[in-house]
């Protein structure tokens, strides 16, 4: 399987944790340690920011699992969207063309799956 996946990761995240700590002065440092400015702006413009923060966090964790190594700074991973709205992974501001991410969320939970070729 030389052309097959090199790693697969999945993560499930409870959105309630992010709702209990809404972005604002009190929890701003918490969010800024985990998310990029672009991710924070994207999530804050949504009707349910907690669910979107949870989805991004799940994507970061799924990438770490798929890659098979830990990171000192999860903020190095960013979830952006292409022109069609599809989520795309970036590592240190560079796109990861050999990684695919699928993210889904409900009011309560978010899930992300990452495959690396």
PDB file of N, CA and C in Angstrom:
ATOM      1  N   UNK A   1       0.823  -1.196   0.000  1.00  0.00           N
ATOM      2  CA  UNK A   1       0.000   0.000   0.000  1.00  0.00           C
ATOM      3  C   UNK A   1       0.858   1.248   0.000  1.00  0.00           C
ATOM      4  N   UNK A   2       1.660   1.416  -0.992  1.00  0.00           N
ATOM      5  CA  UNK A   2       2.514   2.597  -1.022  1.00  0.00           C
ATOM      6  C   UNK A   2       1.743   3.878  -1.302  1.00  0.00           C
ATOM      7  N   UNK A   3       0.614   3.775  -1.990  1.00  0.00           N
ATOM      8  CA  UNK A   3      -0.171   4.964  -2.297  1.00  0.00           C
ATOM      9  C   UNK A   3      -1.304   5.206  -1.304  1.00  0.00           C
ATOM     10  N   UNK A   4      -1.448   4.354  -0.321  1.00  0.00           N
ATOM     11  CA  UNK A   4      -2.534   4.474   0.642  1.00  0.00           C
ATOM     12  C   UNK A   4      -2.240   5.494   1.720  1.00  0.00           C
ATOM     13  N   UNK A   5      -3.172   5.628   2.648  1.00  0.00           N
ATOM     14  CA  UNK A   5      -3.003   6.585   3.747  1.00  0.00           C
ATOM     15  C   UNK A   5      -1.796   6.262   4.615  1.00  0.00           C
ATOM     16  N   UNK A   6      -1.145   7.299   5.092  1.00  0.00           N
ATOM     17  CA  UNK A   6      -0.012   7.157   6.020  1.00  0.00           C
ATOM     18  C   UNK A   6      -0.472   7.283   7.463  1.00  0.00           C
ATOM     19  N   UNK A   7      -1.617   7.935   7.643  1.00  0.00           N
ATOM     20  CA  UNK A   7      -2.141   8.101   8.989  1.00  0.00           C
ATOM     21  C   UNK A   7      -3.594   8.535   8.960  1.00  0.00           C
ATOM     22  N   UNK A   8      -4.332   8.073   9.958  1.00  0.00           N
ATOM     23  CA  UNK A   8      -5.736   8.433  10.102  1.00  0.00           C
ATOM     24  C   UNK A   8      -5.964   8.827  11.559  1.00  0.00           C
ATOM     25  N   UNK A   9      -6.662   9.921  11.770  1.00  0.00           N
ATOM     26  CA  UNK A   9      -6.966  10.361  13.124  1.00  0.00           C
ATOM     27  C   UNK A   9      -8.409  10.819  13.216  1.00  0.00           C
ATOM     28  N   UNK A  10      -8.991  10.609  14.380  1.00  0.00           N
ATOM     29  CA  UNK A  10     -10.367  11.052  14.630  1.00  0.00           C
ATOM     30  C   UNK A  10     -10.433  11.636  16.037  1.00  0.00           C
ATOM     31  N   UNK A  11     -11.285  12.639  16.205  1.00  0.00           N
ATOM     32  CA  UNK A  11     -11.465  13.207  17.532  1.00  0.00           C
ATOM     33  C   UNK A  11     -12.897  13.695  17.678  1.00  0.00           C
ATOM     34  N   UNK A  12     -13.414  13.537  18.874  1.00  0.00           N
ATOM     35  CA  UNK A  12     -14.756  13.969  19.231  1.00  0.00           C
ATOM     36  C   UNK A  12     -14.611  14.993  20.357  1.00  0.00           C
ATOM     37  N   UNK A  13     -15.291  16.108  20.242  1.00  0.00           N
ATOM     38  CA  UNK A  13     -15.138  17.184  21.221  1.00  0.00           C
ATOM     39  C   UNK A  13     -16.512  17.688  21.658  1.00  0.00           C
ATOM     40  N   UNK A  14     -16.667  17.874  22.951  1.00  0.00           N
ATOM     41  CA  UNK A  14     -17.915  18.379  23.526  1.00  0.00           C
ATOM     42  C   UNK A  14     -17.939  19.905  23.432  1.00  0.00           C
ATOM     43  N   UNK A  15     -18.911  20.450  22.756  1.00  0.00           N
ATOM     44  CA  UNK A  15     -19.016  21.905  22.572  1.00  0.00           C
ATOM     45  C   UNK A  15     -19.332  22.627  23.879  1.00  0.00           C
ATOM     46  N   UNK A  16     -19.883  21.929  24.851  1.00  0.00           N
ATOM     47  CA  UNK A  16     -20.265  22.568  26.117  1.00  0.00           C
ATOM     48  C   UNK A  16     -19.069  23.210  26.815  1.00  0.00           C
ATOM     49  N   UNK A  17     -17.920  22.598  26.710  1.00  0.00           N
ATOM     50  CA  UNK A  17     -16.725  23.154  27.342  1.00  0.00           C
ATOM     51  C   UNK A  17     -16.375  24.534  26.806  1.00  0.00           C
ATOM     52  N   UNK A  18     -16.558  24.721  25.514  1.00  0.00           N
ATOM     53  CA  UNK A  18     -16.289  26.026  24.915  1.00  0.00           C
ATOM     54  C   UNK A  18     -17.395  27.023  25.233  1.00  0.00           C
ATOM     55  N   UNK A  19     -18.615  26.543  25.380  1.00  0.00           N
ATOM     56  CA  UNK A  19     -19.714  27.442  25.743  1.00  0.00           C
ATOM     57  C   UNK A  19     -19.580  27.930  27.183  1.00  0.00           C
ATOM     58  N   UNK A  20     -19.027  27.089  28.050  1.00  0.00           N
ATOM     59  CA  UNK A  20     -18.841  27.481  29.451  1.00  0.00           C
ATOM     60  C   UNK A  20     -17.776  28.555  29.580  1.00  0.00           C
ATOM     61  N   UNK A  21     -16.894  28.630  28.594  1.00  0.00           N
ATOM     62  CA  UNK A  21     -15.832  29.636  28.567  1.00  0.00           C
ATOM     63  C   UNK A  21     -15.998  30.484  27.304  1.00  0.00           C
ATOM     64  N   UNK A  22     -16.991  31.336  27.225  1.00  0.00           N
ATOM     65  CA  UNK A  22     -17.181  32.128  26.010  1.00  0.00           C
ATOM     66  C   UNK A  22     -15.999  33.065  25.780  1.00  0.00           C
ATOM     67  N   UNK A  23     -15.715  33.298  24.509  1.00  0.00           N
ATOM     68  CA  UNK A  23     -14.625  34.214  24.174  1.00  0.00           C
ATOM     69  C   UNK A  23     -14.953  35.596  24.702  1.00  0.00           C
ATOM     70  N   UNK A  24     -14.029  36.164  25.394  1.00  0.00           N
ATOM     71  CA  UNK A  24     -14.182  37.497  25.975  1.00  0.00           C
ATOM     72  C   UNK A  24     -12.973  37.762  26.848  1.00  0.00           C
ATOM     73  N   UNK A  25     -12.940  38.881  27.522  1.00  0.00           N
ATOM     74  CA  UNK A  25     -11.780  39.248  28.336  1.00  0.00           C
ATOM     75  C   UNK A  25     -11.354  38.150  29.306  1.00  0.00           C
ATOM     76  N   UNK A  26     -12.308  37.523  29.949  1.00  0.00           N
ATOM     77  CA  UNK A  26     -11.997  36.527  30.968  1.00  0.00           C
ATOM     78  C   UNK A  26     -11.285  35.298  30.392  1.00  0.00           C
ATOM     79  N   UNK A  27     -11.669  34.879  29.184  1.00  0.00           N
ATOM     80  CA  UNK A  27     -11.114  33.651  28.613  1.00  0.00           C
ATOM     81  C   UNK A  27     -10.312  33.883  27.333  1.00  0.00           C
ATOM     82  N   UNK A  28     -10.025  35.120  27.040  1.00  0.00           N
ATOM     83  CA  UNK A  28      -9.329  35.474  25.799  1.00  0.00           C
ATOM     84  C   UNK A  28      -7.984  34.748  25.675  1.00  0.00           C
ATOM     85  N   UNK A  29      -7.223  34.693  26.729  1.00  0.00           N
ATOM     86  CA  UNK A  29      -5.907  34.038  26.684  1.00  0.00           C
ATOM     87  C   UNK A  29      -6.028  32.550  26.398  1.00  0.00           C
ATOM     88  N   UNK A  30      -7.062  31.912  26.928  1.00  0.00           N
ATOM     89  CA  UNK A  30      -7.308  30.492  26.666  1.00  0.00           C
ATOM     90  C   UNK A  30      -7.461  30.261  25.165  1.00  0.00           C
ATOM     91  N   UNK A  31      -8.309  31.052  24.518  1.00  0.00           N
ATOM     92  CA  UNK A  31      -8.560  30.897  23.087  1.00  0.00           C
ATOM     93  C   UNK A  31      -7.326  31.248  22.256  1.00  0.00           C
ATOM     94  N   UNK A  32      -6.611  32.280  22.659  1.00  0.00           N
ATOM     95  CA  UNK A  32      -5.446  32.708  21.892  1.00  0.00           C
ATOM     96  C   UNK A  32      -4.281  31.726  21.970  1.00  0.00           C
ATOM     97  N   UNK A  33      -4.270  30.853  22.962  1.00  0.00           N
ATOM     98  CA  UNK A  33      -3.233  29.806  23.039  1.00  0.00           C
ATOM     99  C   UNK A  33      -3.537  28.658  22.091  1.00  0.00           C
ATOM    100  N   UNK A  34      -4.802  28.465  21.737  1.00  0.00           N
ATOM    101  CA  UNK A  34      -5.228  27.305  20.947  1.00  0.00           C
ATOM    102  C   UNK A  34      -5.533  27.653  19.497  1.00  0.00           C
ATOM    103  N   UNK A  35      -6.133  28.803  19.269  1.00  0.00           N
ATOM    104  CA  UNK A  35      -6.658  29.147  17.949  1.00  0.00           C
ATOM    105  C   UNK A  35      -5.941  30.350  17.348  1.00  0.00           C
ATOM    106  N   UNK A  36      -5.866  30.361  16.017  1.00  0.00           N
ATOM    107  CA  UNK A  36      -5.292  31.511  15.319  1.00  0.00           C
ATOM    108  C   UNK A  36      -6.302  32.657  15.301  1.00  0.00           C
ATOM    109  N   UNK A  37      -5.831  33.834  14.961  1.00  0.00           N
ATOM    110  CA  UNK A  37      -6.727  34.991  14.869  1.00  0.00           C
ATOM    111  C   UNK A  37      -7.835  34.729  13.849  1.00  0.00           C
ATOM    112  N   UNK A  38      -7.486  34.089  12.728  1.00  0.00           N
ATOM    113  CA  UNK A  38      -8.480  33.779  11.704  1.00  0.00           C
ATOM    114  C   UNK A  38      -9.546  32.823  12.199  1.00  0.00           C
ATOM    115  N   UNK A  39      -9.136  31.809  12.958  1.00  0.00           N
ATOM    116  CA  UNK A  39     -10.102  30.855  13.510  1.00  0.00           C
ATOM    117  C   UNK A  39     -11.020  31.528  14.524  1.00  0.00           C
ATOM    118  N   UNK A  40     -10.455  32.372  15.355  1.00  0.00           N
ATOM    119  CA  UNK A  40     -11.257  33.079  16.360  1.00  0.00           C
ATOM    120  C   UNK A  40     -12.291  33.966  15.670  1.00  0.00           C
ATOM    121  N   UNK A  41     -11.860  34.711  14.668  1.00  0.00           N
ATOM    122  CA  UNK A  41     -12.787  35.591  13.948  1.00  0.00           C
ATOM    123  C   UNK A  41     -13.890  34.773  13.274  1.00  0.00           C
ATOM    124  N   UNK A  42     -13.532  33.657  12.642  1.00  0.00           N
ATOM    125  CA  UNK A  42     -14.516  32.817  11.964  1.00  0.00           C
ATOM    126  C   UNK A  42     -15.558  32.292  12.954  1.00  0.00           C
ATOM    127  N   UNK A  43     -15.108  31.747  14.060  1.00  0.00           N
ATOM    128  CA  UNK A  43     -16.032  31.160  15.041  1.00  0.00           C
ATOM    129  C   UNK A  43     -16.905  32.209  15.706  1.00  0.00           C
ATOM    130  N   UNK A  44     -16.330  33.352  16.005  1.00  0.00           N
ATOM    131  CA  UNK A  44     -17.100  34.399  16.701  1.00  0.00           C
ATOM    132  C   UNK A  44     -18.225  34.970  15.855  1.00  0.00           C
ATOM    133  N   UNK A  45     -18.117  34.874  14.542  1.00  0.00           N
ATOM    134  CA  UNK A  45     -19.190  35.413  13.694  1.00  0.00           C
ATOM    135  C   UNK A  45     -20.350  34.433  13.531  1.00  0.00           C
ATOM    136  N   UNK A  46     -20.192  33.211  14.038  1.00  0.00           N
ATOM    137  CA  UNK A  46     -21.245  32.199  13.931  1.00  0.00           C
ATOM    138  C   UNK A  46     -22.263  32.353  15.052  1.00  0.00           C
ATOM    139  N   UNK A  47     -23.472  31.837  14.810  1.00  0.00           N
ATOM    140  CA  UNK A  47     -24.533  31.913  15.815  1.00  0.00           C
ATOM    141  C   UNK A  47     -24.178  31.094  17.058  1.00  0.00           C
ATOM    142  N   UNK A  48     -23.479  29.973  16.874  1.00  0.00           N
ATOM    143  CA  UNK A  48     -23.069  29.127  17.992  1.00  0.00           C
ATOM    144  C   UNK A  48     -21.549  28.961  17.958  1.00  0.00           C
ATOM    145  N   UNK A  49     -20.804  29.963  18.443  1.00  0.00           N
ATOM    146  CA  UNK A  49     -19.350  29.891  18.380  1.00  0.00           C
ATOM    147  C   UNK A  49     -18.765  28.653  19.060  1.00  0.00           C
ATOM    148  N   UNK A  50     -19.368  28.206  20.161  1.00  0.00           N
ATOM    149  CA  UNK A  50     -18.850  27.053  20.897  1.00  0.00           C
ATOM    150  C   UNK A  50     -18.757  25.808  20.043  1.00  0.00           C
ATOM    151  N   UNK A  51     -19.759  25.557  19.230  1.00  0.00           N
ATOM    152  CA  UNK A  51     -19.749  24.380  18.357  1.00  0.00           C
ATOM    153  C   UNK A  51     -18.644  24.491  17.311  1.00  0.00           C
ATOM    154  N   UNK A  52     -18.400  25.688  16.810  1.00  0.00           N
ATOM    155  CA  UNK A  52     -17.364  25.878  15.787  1.00  0.00           C
ATOM    156  C   UNK A  52     -15.965  25.819  16.389  1.00  0.00           C
ATOM    157  N   UNK A  53     -15.794  26.357  17.593  1.00  0.00           N
ATOM    158  CA  UNK A  53     -14.507  26.201  18.281  1.00  0.00           C
ATOM    159  C   UNK A  53     -14.242  24.716  18.558  1.00  0.00           C
ATOM    160  N   UNK A  54     -15.268  23.992  18.985  1.00  0.00           N
ATOM    161  CA  UNK A  54     -15.113  22.560  19.261  1.00  0.00           C
ATOM    162  C   UNK A  54     -14.712  21.805  17.994  1.00  0.00           C
ATOM    163  N   UNK A  55     -15.296  22.158  16.864  1.00  0.00           N
ATOM    164  CA  UNK A  55     -14.969  21.490  15.601  1.00  0.00           C
ATOM    165  C   UNK A  55     -13.517  21.739  15.217  1.00  0.00           C
ATOM    166  N   UNK A  56     -13.042  22.965  15.385  1.00  0.00           N
ATOM    167  CA  UNK A  56     -11.647  23.257  15.063  1.00  0.00           C
ATOM    168  C   UNK A  56     -10.696  22.540  16.009  1.00  0.00           C
ATOM    169  N   UNK A  57     -11.062  22.498  17.272  1.00  0.00           N
ATOM    170  CA  UNK A  57     -10.219  21.784  18.228  1.00  0.00           C
ATOM    171  C   UNK A  57     -10.159  20.293  17.880  1.00  0.00           C
ATOM    172  N   UNK A  58     -11.294  19.711  17.528  1.00  0.00           N
ATOM    173  CA  UNK A  58     -11.328  18.297  17.139  1.00  0.00           C
ATOM    174  C   UNK A  58     -10.453  18.056  15.910  1.00  0.00           C
ATOM    175  N   UNK A  59     -10.469  18.970  14.949  1.00  0.00           N
ATOM    176  CA  UNK A  59      -9.638  18.828  13.748  1.00  0.00           C
ATOM    177  C   UNK A  59      -8.152  18.865  14.094  1.00  0.00           C
ATOM    178  N   UNK A  60      -7.768  19.754  14.994  1.00  0.00           N
ATOM    179  CA  UNK A  60      -6.370  19.836  15.413  1.00  0.00           C
ATOM    180  C   UNK A  60      -5.935  18.536  16.092  1.00  0.00           C
ATOM    181  N   UNK A  61      -6.778  18.030  16.986  1.00  0.00           N
ATOM    182  CA  UNK A  61      -6.460  16.777  17.682  1.00  0.00           C
ATOM    183  C   UNK A  61      -6.410  15.600  16.712  1.00  0.00           C
ATOM    184  N   UNK A  62      -7.323  15.555  15.743  1.00  0.00           N
ATOM    185  CA  UNK A  62      -7.332  14.472  14.756  1.00  0.00           C
ATOM    186  C   UNK A  62      -6.067  14.511  13.907  1.00  0.00           C
ATOM    187  N   UNK A  63      -5.592  15.701  13.552  1.00  0.00           N
ATOM    188  CA  UNK A  63      -4.346  15.810  12.786  1.00  0.00           C
ATOM    189  C   UNK A  63      -3.164  15.306  13.594  1.00  0.00           C
ATOM    190  N   UNK A  64      -3.105  15.661  14.851  1.00  0.00           N
ATOM    191  CA  UNK A  64      -2.015  15.192  15.711  1.00  0.00           C
ATOM    192  C   UNK A  64      -2.012  13.664  15.773  1.00  0.00           C
ATOM    193  N   UNK A  65      -3.187  13.064  15.899  1.00  0.00           N
ATOM    194  CA  UNK A  65      -3.293  11.603  15.931  1.00  0.00           C
ATOM    195  C   UNK A  65      -2.894  10.987  14.598  1.00  0.00           C
ATOM    196  N   UNK A  66      -3.321  11.579  13.494  1.00  0.00           N
ATOM    197  CA  UNK A  66      -2.997  11.050  12.170  1.00  0.00           C
ATOM    198  C   UNK A  66      -1.509  11.148  11.889  1.00  0.00           C
ATOM    199  N   UNK A  67      -0.883  12.239  12.337  1.00  0.00           N
ATOM    200  CA  UNK A  67       0.540  12.446  12.096  1.00  0.00           C
ATOM    201  C   UNK A  67       1.400  11.549  12.984  1.00  0.00           C
ATOM    202  N   UNK A  68       0.852  11.138  14.113  1.00  0.00           N
ATOM    203  CA  UNK A  68       1.582  10.228  15.000  1.00  0.00           C
ATOM    204  C   UNK A  68       2.628  10.894  15.870  1.00  0.00           C
ATOM    205  N   UNK A  69       2.524  12.198  16.057  1.00  0.00           N
ATOM    206  CA  UNK A  69       3.459  12.879  16.949  1.00  0.00           C
ATOM    207  C   UNK A  69       2.748  14.005  17.663  1.00  0.00           C
ATOM    208  N   UNK A  70       3.279  14.378  18.790  1.00  0.00           N
ATOM    209  CA  UNK A  70       2.690  15.465  19.555  1.00  0.00           C
ATOM    210  C   UNK A  70       3.242  16.812  19.107  1.00  0.00           C
ATOM    211  N   UNK A  71       2.525  17.845  19.396  1.00  0.00           N
ATOM    212  CA  UNK A  71       2.963  19.203  19.088  1.00  0.00           C
ATOM    213  C   UNK A  71       3.015  20.001  20.370  1.00  0.00           C
ATOM    214  N   UNK A  72       3.957  20.892  20.436  1.00  0.00           N
ATOM    215  CA  UNK A  72       4.020  21.771  21.593  1.00  0.00           C
ATOM    216  C   UNK A  72       2.997  22.893  21.486  1.00  0.00           C
ATOM    217  N   UNK A  73       2.619  23.229  20.244  1.00  0.00           N
ATOM    218  CA  UNK A  73       1.718  24.357  20.050  1.00  0.00           C
ATOM    219  C   UNK A  73       0.632  23.995  19.037  1.00  0.00           C
ATOM    220  N   UNK A  74      -0.573  23.706  19.506  1.00  0.00           N
ATOM    221  CA  UNK A  74      -1.674  23.361  18.591  1.00  0.00           C
ATOM    222  C   UNK A  74      -2.081  24.557  17.743  1.00  0.00           C
ATOM    223  N   UNK A  75      -1.656  25.737  18.129  1.00  0.00           N
ATOM    224  CA  UNK A  75      -1.949  26.932  17.342  1.00  0.00           C
ATOM    225  C   UNK A  75      -1.206  26.896  16.002  1.00  0.00           C
ATOM    226  N   UNK A  76      -0.184  26.041  15.878  1.00  0.00           N
ATOM    227  CA  UNK A  76       0.514  25.868  14.601  1.00  0.00           C
ATOM    228  C   UNK A  76      -0.397  25.256  13.549  1.00  0.00           C
ATOM    229  N   UNK A  77      -1.462  24.592  13.989  1.00  0.00           N
ATOM    230  CA  UNK A  77      -2.441  23.991  13.081  1.00  0.00           C
ATOM    231  C   UNK A  77      -3.597  24.967  12.942  1.00  0.00           C
ATOM    232  N   UNK A  78      -4.024  25.178  11.704  1.00  0.00           N
ATOM    233  CA  UNK A  78      -5.154  26.077  11.474  1.00  0.00           C
ATOM    234  C   UNK A  78      -6.138  25.416  10.517  1.00  0.00           C
ATOM    235  N   UNK A  79      -7.415  25.582  10.795  1.00  0.00           N
ATOM    236  CA  UNK A  79      -8.470  25.127   9.894  1.00  0.00           C
ATOM    237  C   UNK A  79      -8.999  26.358   9.167  1.00  0.00           C
ATOM    238  N   UNK A  80      -8.846  26.335   7.860  1.00  0.00           N
ATOM    239  CA  UNK A  80      -9.393  27.397   7.017  1.00  0.00           C
ATOM    240  C   UNK A  80     -10.416  26.758   6.088  1.00  0.00           C
ATOM    241  N   UNK A  81     -10.994  27.554   5.204  1.00  0.00           N
ATOM    242  CA  UNK A  81     -11.961  27.037   4.244  1.00  0.00           C
ATOM    243  C   UNK A  81     -11.577  27.484   2.849  1.00  0.00           C
ATOM    244  N   UNK A  82     -11.742  26.583   1.871  1.00  0.00           N
ATOM    245  CA  UNK A  82     -11.491  26.972   0.490  1.00  0.00           C
ATOM    246  C   UNK A  82     -12.700  27.745  -0.040  1.00  0.00           C
ATOM    247  N   UNK A  83     -12.659  28.125  -1.307  1.00  0.00           N
ATOM    248  CA  UNK A  83     -13.734  28.958  -1.861  1.00  0.00           C
ATOM    249  C   UNK A  83     -15.082  28.257  -1.902  1.00  0.00           C
ATOM    250  N   UNK A  84     -15.095  26.920  -1.799  1.00  0.00           N
ATOM    251  CA  UNK A  84     -16.366  26.190  -1.779  1.00  0.00           C
ATOM    252  C   UNK A  84     -16.875  25.960  -0.359  1.00  0.00           C
ATOM    253  N   UNK A  85     -16.067  26.332   0.640  1.00  0.00           N
ATOM    254  CA  UNK A  85     -16.456  26.138   2.031  1.00  0.00           C
ATOM    255  C   UNK A  85     -15.881  24.890   2.669  1.00  0.00           C
ATOM    256  N   UNK A  86     -15.143  24.098   1.892  1.00  0.00           N
ATOM    257  CA  UNK A  86     -14.535  22.867   2.405  1.00  0.00           C
ATOM    258  C   UNK A  86     -13.403  23.211   3.376  1.00  0.00           C
ATOM    259  N   UNK A  87     -13.335  22.536   4.534  1.00  0.00           N
ATOM    260  CA  UNK A  87     -12.243  22.812   5.463  1.00  0.00           C
ATOM    261  C   UNK A  87     -10.910  22.302   4.915  1.00  0.00           C
ATOM    262  N   UNK A  88      -9.871  23.100   5.147  1.00  0.00           N
ATOM    263  CA  UNK A  88      -8.521  22.783   4.687  1.00  0.00           C
ATOM    264  C   UNK A  88      -7.569  22.986   5.855  1.00  0.00           C
ATOM    265  N   UNK A  89      -6.639  22.047   6.043  1.00  0.00           N
ATOM    266  CA  UNK A  89      -5.672  22.147   7.127  1.00  0.00           C
ATOM    267  C   UNK A  89      -4.419  22.907   6.694  1.00  0.00           C
ATOM    268  N   UNK A  90      -3.944  23.747   7.607  1.00  0.00           N
ATOM    269  CA  UNK A  90      -2.695  24.476   7.409  1.00  0.00           C
ATOM    270  C   UNK A  90      -1.797  24.171   8.601  1.00  0.00           C
ATOM    271  N   UNK A  91      -0.503  24.076   8.343  1.00  0.00           N
ATOM    272  CA  UNK A  91       0.472  23.887   9.421  1.00  0.00           C
ATOM    273  C   UNK A  91       1.485  25.012   9.300  1.00  0.00           C
ATOM    274  N   UNK A  92       1.595  25.800  10.332  1.00  0.00           N
ATOM    275  CA  UNK A  92       2.476  26.971  10.348  1.00  0.00           C
ATOM    276  C   UNK A  92       2.249  27.843   9.120  1.00  0.00           C
ATOM    277  N   UNK A  93       0.978  28.125   8.856  1.00  0.00           N
ATOM    278  CA  UNK A  93       0.514  29.023   7.791  1.00  0.00           C
ATOM    279  C   UNK A  93       0.722  28.472   6.380  1.00  0.00           C
ATOM    280  N   UNK A  94       1.088  27.184   6.258  1.00  0.00           N
ATOM    281  CA  UNK A  94       1.242  26.578   4.936  1.00  0.00           C
ATOM    282  C   UNK A  94       0.203  25.482   4.755  1.00  0.00           C
ATOM    283  N   UNK A  95      -0.418  25.426   3.568  1.00  0.00           N
ATOM    284  CA  UNK A  95      -1.419  24.375   3.342  1.00  0.00           C
ATOM    285  C   UNK A  95      -0.790  22.990   3.397  1.00  0.00           C
ATOM    286  N   UNK A  96      -1.565  22.019   3.821  1.00  0.00           N
ATOM    287  CA  UNK A  96      -1.113  20.626   3.898  1.00  0.00           C
ATOM    288  C   UNK A  96      -1.804  19.847   2.773  1.00  0.00           C
ATOM    289  N   UNK A  97      -1.218  19.823   1.580  1.00  0.00           N
ATOM    290  CA  UNK A  97      -1.895  19.207   0.435  1.00  0.00           C
ATOM    291  C   UNK A  97      -2.096  17.700   0.565  1.00  0.00           C
ATOM    292  N   UNK A  98      -1.361  17.047   1.447  1.00  0.00           N
ATOM    293  CA  UNK A  98      -1.496  15.599   1.609  1.00  0.00           C
ATOM    294  C   UNK A  98      -2.339  15.219   2.816  1.00  0.00           C
ATOM    295  N   UNK A  99      -3.049  16.192   3.356  1.00  0.00           N
ATOM    296  CA  UNK A  99      -3.938  15.925   4.489  1.00  0.00           C
ATOM    297  C   UNK A  99      -5.347  16.358   4.121  1.00  0.00           C
ATOM    298  N   UNK A 100      -6.305  15.524   4.464  1.00  0.00           N
ATOM    299  CA  UNK A 100      -7.711  15.845   4.243  1.00  0.00           C
ATOM    300  C   UNK A 100      -8.425  15.819   5.589  1.00  0.00           C
ATOM    301  N   UNK A 101      -9.358  16.745   5.773  1.00  0.00           N
ATOM    302  CA  UNK A 101     -10.107  16.816   7.019  1.00  0.00           C
ATOM    303  C   UNK A 101     -11.588  16.883   6.707  1.00  0.00           C
ATOM    304  N   UNK A 102     -12.364  16.198   7.515  1.00  0.00           N
ATOM    305  CA  UNK A 102     -13.811  16.288   7.466  1.00  0.00           C
ATOM    306  C   UNK A 102     -14.269  16.629   8.875  1.00  0.00           C
ATOM    307  N   UNK A 103     -15.109  17.644   8.976  1.00  0.00           N
ATOM    308  CA  UNK A 103     -15.567  18.140  10.268  1.00  0.00           C
ATOM    309  C   UNK A 103     -17.089  18.209  10.260  1.00  0.00           C
ATOM    310  N   UNK A 104     -17.687  17.842  11.382  1.00  0.00           N
ATOM    311  CA  UNK A 104     -19.130  17.955  11.531  1.00  0.00           C
ATOM    312  C   UNK A 104     -19.442  18.317  12.968  1.00  0.00           C
ATOM    313  N   UNK A 105     -20.502  19.105  13.154  1.00  0.00           N
ATOM    314  CA  UNK A 105     -20.880  19.451  14.522  1.00  0.00           C
ATOM    315  C   UNK A 105     -22.385  19.527  14.668  1.00  0.00           C
ATOM    316  N   UNK A 106     -22.797  19.274  15.892  1.00  0.00           N
ATOM    317  CA  UNK A 106     -24.185  19.472  16.290  1.00  0.00           C
ATOM    318  C   UNK A 106     -24.145  20.501  17.409  1.00  0.00           C
ATOM    319  N   UNK A 107     -25.277  20.749  18.012  1.00  0.00           N
ATOM    320  CA  UNK A 107     -25.297  21.683  19.139  1.00  0.00           C
ATOM    321  C   UNK A 107     -24.449  21.170  20.297  1.00  0.00           C
ATOM    322  N   UNK A 108     -24.319  19.849  20.429  1.00  0.00           N
ATOM    323  CA  UNK A 108     -23.608  19.296  21.575  1.00  0.00           C
ATOM    324  C   UNK A 108     -22.213  18.791  21.313  1.00  0.00           C
ATOM    325  N   UNK A 109     -21.969  18.256  20.119  1.00  0.00           N
ATOM    326  CA  UNK A 109     -20.688  17.605  19.859  1.00  0.00           C
ATOM    327  C   UNK A 109     -20.111  18.022  18.506  1.00  0.00           C
ATOM    328  N   UNK A 110     -18.798  17.883  18.397  1.00  0.00           N
ATOM    329  CA  UNK A 110     -18.110  18.094  17.122  1.00  0.00           C
ATOM    330  C   UNK A 110     -17.198  16.901  16.897  1.00  0.00           C
ATOM    331  N   UNK A 111     -17.067  16.488  15.645  1.00  0.00           N
ATOM    332  CA  UNK A 111     -16.207  15.379  15.290  1.00  0.00           C
ATOM    333  C   UNK A 111     -15.368  15.780  14.086  1.00  0.00           C
ATOM    334  N   UNK A 112     -14.133  15.296  14.045  1.00  0.00           N
ATOM    335  CA  UNK A 112     -13.260  15.542  12.903  1.00  0.00           C
ATOM    336  C   UNK A 112     -12.483  14.276  12.598  1.00  0.00           C
ATOM    337  N   UNK A 113     -12.294  14.033  11.298  1.00  0.00           N
ATOM    338  CA  UNK A 113     -11.494  12.921  10.815  1.00  0.00           C
ATOM    339  C   UNK A 113     -10.434  13.498   9.897  1.00  0.00           C
ATOM    340  N   UNK A 114      -9.183  13.061  10.057  1.00  0.00           N
ATOM    341  CA  UNK A 114      -8.086  13.509   9.222  1.00  0.00           C
ATOM    342  C   UNK A 114      -7.404  12.288   8.631  1.00  0.00           C
ATOM    343  N   UNK A 115      -7.137  12.354   7.325  1.00  0.00           N
ATOM    344  CA  UNK A 115      -6.363  11.324   6.642  1.00  0.00           C
ATOM    345  C   UNK A 115      -5.159  12.005   6.005  1.00  0.00           C
ATOM    346  N   UNK A 116      -3.998  11.414   6.205  1.00  0.00           N
ATOM    347  CA  UNK A 116      -2.741  11.925   5.616  1.00  0.00           C
ATOM    348  C   UNK A 116      -2.237  10.894   4.624  1.00  0.00           C
ATOM    349  N   UNK A 117      -1.912  11.356   3.406  1.00  0.00           N
ATOM    350  CA  UNK A 117      -1.307  10.486   2.397  1.00  0.00           C
ATOM    351  C   UNK A 117       0.167  10.673   2.377  1.00  0.00           C
TER     352      UNK A 117
END
